[in-house]
Amino acid sequence: MNGKDTQQQTSYEDRRTLERLVPAWLEETERHDSAAAREARTGWERGSLSDRSAQDLAHWVTARVTDTGFNEEEGPQVEGAVRITPADKETVHRWLTGQGHRI
């Protein structure tokens, strides 16, 4: 299955989640590693991330889950440009797996 076929099978809701989160990931990556950000942006625009970029995205979304259900006293408090729920993380991981990446 190629990237185009996989994109056609991605639900509208999943696609909206990806389109909300990937730009935040790319922006953060750009601040820390411009070469990695260029590689990731090119892959995203072409509909196929490299294995390195896919792993970076998977780790990023996991580390950035902000809606954890914890209260202030329990932690953790993750600051970021976008709100990321555990369901968002699962959506990104599901999409990456559907693209043939191992998470």
C-alpha atoms as a PDB file:
ATOM      1  CA  MET A   1       0.000   0.000   0.000  1.00  0.00           C
ATOM      2  CA  ASN A   2       1.410   3.391  -0.888  1.00  0.00           C
ATOM      3  CA  GLY A   3       1.045   6.652   1.040  1.00  0.00           C
ATOM      4  CA  LYS A   4      -1.833   7.804  -1.121  1.00  0.00           C
ATOM      5  CA  ASP A   5      -3.853   4.672  -0.366  1.00  0.00           C
ATOM      6  CA  THR A   6      -3.168   5.070   3.339  1.00  0.00           C
ATOM      7  CA  GLN A   7      -4.163   8.724   3.284  1.00  0.00           C
ATOM      8  CA  GLN A   8      -7.472   7.772   1.678  1.00  0.00           C
ATOM      9  CA  GLN A   9      -8.121   5.358   4.550  1.00  0.00           C
ATOM     10  CA  THR A  10      -7.361   7.943   7.240  1.00  0.00           C
ATOM     11  CA  SER A  11     -10.598   9.154   8.802  1.00  0.00           C
ATOM     12  CA  TYR A  12     -11.534  12.803   8.608  1.00  0.00           C
ATOM     13  CA  GLU A  13     -11.153  13.156  12.392  1.00  0.00           C
ATOM     14  CA  ASP A  14      -7.733  11.510  12.367  1.00  0.00           C
ATOM     15  CA  ARG A  15      -6.584  13.735   9.526  1.00  0.00           C
ATOM     16  CA  ARG A  16      -7.739  16.837  11.423  1.00  0.00           C
ATOM     17  CA  THR A  17      -5.766  15.690  14.462  1.00  0.00           C
ATOM     18  CA  LEU A  18      -2.643  15.178  12.361  1.00  0.00           C
ATOM     19  CA  GLU A  19      -3.065  18.539  10.653  1.00  0.00           C
ATOM     20  CA  ARG A  20      -3.331  20.191  14.078  1.00  0.00           C
ATOM     21  CA  LEU A  21      -0.354  18.445  15.678  1.00  0.00           C
ATOM     22  CA  VAL A  22       2.208  18.012  12.902  1.00  0.00           C
ATOM     23  CA  PRO A  23       2.725  21.778  12.346  1.00  0.00           C
ATOM     24  CA  ALA A  24       3.402  22.216  16.090  1.00  0.00           C
ATOM     25  CA  TRP A  25       5.887  19.331  15.969  1.00  0.00           C
ATOM     26  CA  LEU A  26       7.595  20.761  12.886  1.00  0.00           C
ATOM     27  CA  GLU A  27       7.820  24.206  14.494  1.00  0.00           C
ATOM     28  CA  GLU A  28       9.375  22.805  17.659  1.00  0.00           C
ATOM     29  CA  THR A  29      11.750  20.616  15.656  1.00  0.00           C
ATOM     30  CA  GLU A  30      12.834  23.650  13.626  1.00  0.00           C
ATOM     31  CA  ARG A  31      13.904  25.432  16.811  1.00  0.00           C
ATOM     32  CA  HIS A  32      16.149  22.539  17.825  1.00  0.00           C
ATOM     33  CA  ASP A  33      17.331  20.880  14.601  1.00  0.00           C
ATOM     34  CA  SER A  34      16.688  22.685  11.327  1.00  0.00           C
ATOM     35  CA  ALA A  35      18.006  19.816   9.166  1.00  0.00           C
ATOM     36  CA  ALA A  36      15.681  17.313  10.847  1.00  0.00           C
ATOM     37  CA  ALA A  37      12.800  19.761  10.467  1.00  0.00           C
ATOM     38  CA  ARG A  38      13.471  20.157   6.723  1.00  0.00           C
ATOM     39  CA  GLU A  39      13.561  16.379   6.287  1.00  0.00           C
ATOM     40  CA  ALA A  40      10.342  15.963   8.273  1.00  0.00           C
ATOM     41  CA  ARG A  41       8.515  18.799   6.501  1.00  0.00           C
ATOM     42  CA  THR A  42       9.464  17.412   3.090  1.00  0.00           C
ATOM     43  CA  GLY A  43       8.261  13.959   4.103  1.00  0.00           C
ATOM     44  CA  TRP A  44       5.004  15.309   5.539  1.00  0.00           C
ATOM     45  CA  GLU A  45       4.300  17.332   2.404  1.00  0.00           C
ATOM     46  CA  ARG A  46       4.957  14.256   0.256  1.00  0.00           C
ATOM     47  CA  GLY A  47       2.799  12.072   2.498  1.00  0.00           C
ATOM     48  CA  SER A  48       5.610   9.802   3.633  1.00  0.00           C
ATOM     49  CA  LEU A  49       7.848  10.473   6.625  1.00  0.00           C
ATOM     50  CA  SER A  50      11.297   8.920   6.863  1.00  0.00           C
ATOM     51  CA  ASP A  51      11.794   6.366   9.633  1.00  0.00           C
ATOM     52  CA  ARG A  52      13.800   8.921  11.607  1.00  0.00           C
ATOM     53  CA  SER A  53      11.074  11.553  11.304  1.00  0.00           C
ATOM     54  CA  ALA A  54       8.367   9.027  12.171  1.00  0.00           C
ATOM     55  CA  GLN A  55      10.208   8.022  15.338  1.00  0.00           C
ATOM     56  CA  ASP A  56      10.731  11.676  16.255  1.00  0.00           C
ATOM     57  CA  LEU A  57       7.021  12.410  15.800  1.00  0.00           C
ATOM     58  CA  ALA A  58       6.007   9.345  17.836  1.00  0.00           C
ATOM     59  CA  HIS A  59       8.306  10.333  20.708  1.00  0.00           C
ATOM     60  CA  TRP A  60       7.275  13.983  20.512  1.00  0.00           C
ATOM     61  CA  VAL A  61       3.559  13.323  20.691  1.00  0.00           C
ATOM     62  CA  THR A  62       4.036  10.899  23.580  1.00  0.00           C
ATOM     63  CA  ALA A  63       6.164  13.377  25.519  1.00  0.00           C
ATOM     64  CA  ARG A  64       3.758  16.245  24.851  1.00  0.00           C
ATOM     65  CA  VAL A  65       0.490  14.703  26.035  1.00  0.00           C
ATOM     66  CA  THR A  66      -1.017  17.605  27.968  1.00  0.00           C
ATOM     67  CA  ASP A  67      -4.485  16.355  28.834  1.00  0.00           C
ATOM     68  CA  THR A  68      -3.499  13.586  31.220  1.00  0.00           C
ATOM     69  CA  GLY A  69      -6.422  13.652  33.622  1.00  0.00           C
ATOM     70  CA  PHE A  70      -4.087  14.488  36.505  1.00  0.00           C
ATOM     71  CA  ASN A  71      -4.904  17.438  38.681  1.00  0.00           C
ATOM     72  CA  GLU A  72      -2.334  20.108  39.587  1.00  0.00           C
ATOM     73  CA  GLU A  73      -1.258  18.276  42.729  1.00  0.00           C
ATOM     74  CA  GLU A  74      -0.752  14.944  40.931  1.00  0.00           C
ATOM     75  CA  GLY A  75       1.128  16.307  37.901  1.00  0.00           C
ATOM     76  CA  PRO A  76       2.382  16.150  35.254  1.00  0.00           C
ATOM     77  CA  GLN A  77       1.925  19.584  33.743  1.00  0.00           C
ATOM     78  CA  VAL A  78       3.158  19.695  30.156  1.00  0.00           C
ATOM     79  CA  GLU A  79       3.328  23.080  28.501  1.00  0.00           C
ATOM     80  CA  GLY A  80       3.027  23.384  24.766  1.00  0.00           C
ATOM     81  CA  ALA A  81       1.573  25.243  21.832  1.00  0.00           C
ATOM     82  CA  VAL A  82      -1.258  22.736  21.370  1.00  0.00           C
ATOM     83  CA  ARG A  83      -3.393  20.564  23.609  1.00  0.00           C
ATOM     84  CA  ILE A  84      -2.572  16.886  23.098  1.00  0.00           C
ATOM     85  CA  THR A  85      -4.746  14.155  24.569  1.00  0.00           C
ATOM     86  CA  PRO A  86      -3.916  10.477  24.996  1.00  0.00           C
ATOM     87  CA  ALA A  87      -6.376   9.851  22.143  1.00  0.00           C
ATOM     88  CA  ASP A  88      -4.408  12.273  19.945  1.00  0.00           C
ATOM     89  CA  LYS A  89      -1.250  10.299  20.730  1.00  0.00           C
ATOM     90  CA  GLU A  90      -2.990   7.073  19.745  1.00  0.00           C
ATOM     91  CA  THR A  91      -4.200   8.690  16.508  1.00  0.00           C
ATOM     92  CA  VAL A  92      -0.667   9.729  15.560  1.00  0.00           C
ATOM     93  CA  HIS A  93       0.745   6.310  16.466  1.00  0.00           C
ATOM     94  CA  ARG A  94      -2.030   4.574  14.480  1.00  0.00           C
ATOM     95  CA  TRP A  95      -1.323   6.764  11.446  1.00  0.00           C
ATOM     96  CA  LEU A  96       2.420   6.143  11.657  1.00  0.00           C
ATOM     97  CA  THR A  97       1.852   2.396  11.935  1.00  0.00           C
ATOM     98  CA  GLY A  98      -0.504   2.582   8.959  1.00  0.00           C
ATOM     99  CA  GLN A  99       2.311   4.263   7.044  1.00  0.00           C
ATOM    100  CA  GLY A 100       4.470   1.201   7.714  1.00  0.00           C
ATOM    101  CA  HIS A 101       6.530   2.618  10.576  1.00  0.00           C
ATOM    102  CA  ARG A 102       7.343   0.651  13.710  1.00  0.00           C
ATOM    103  CA  ILE A 103       6.547   2.543  16.877  1.00  0.00           C
END
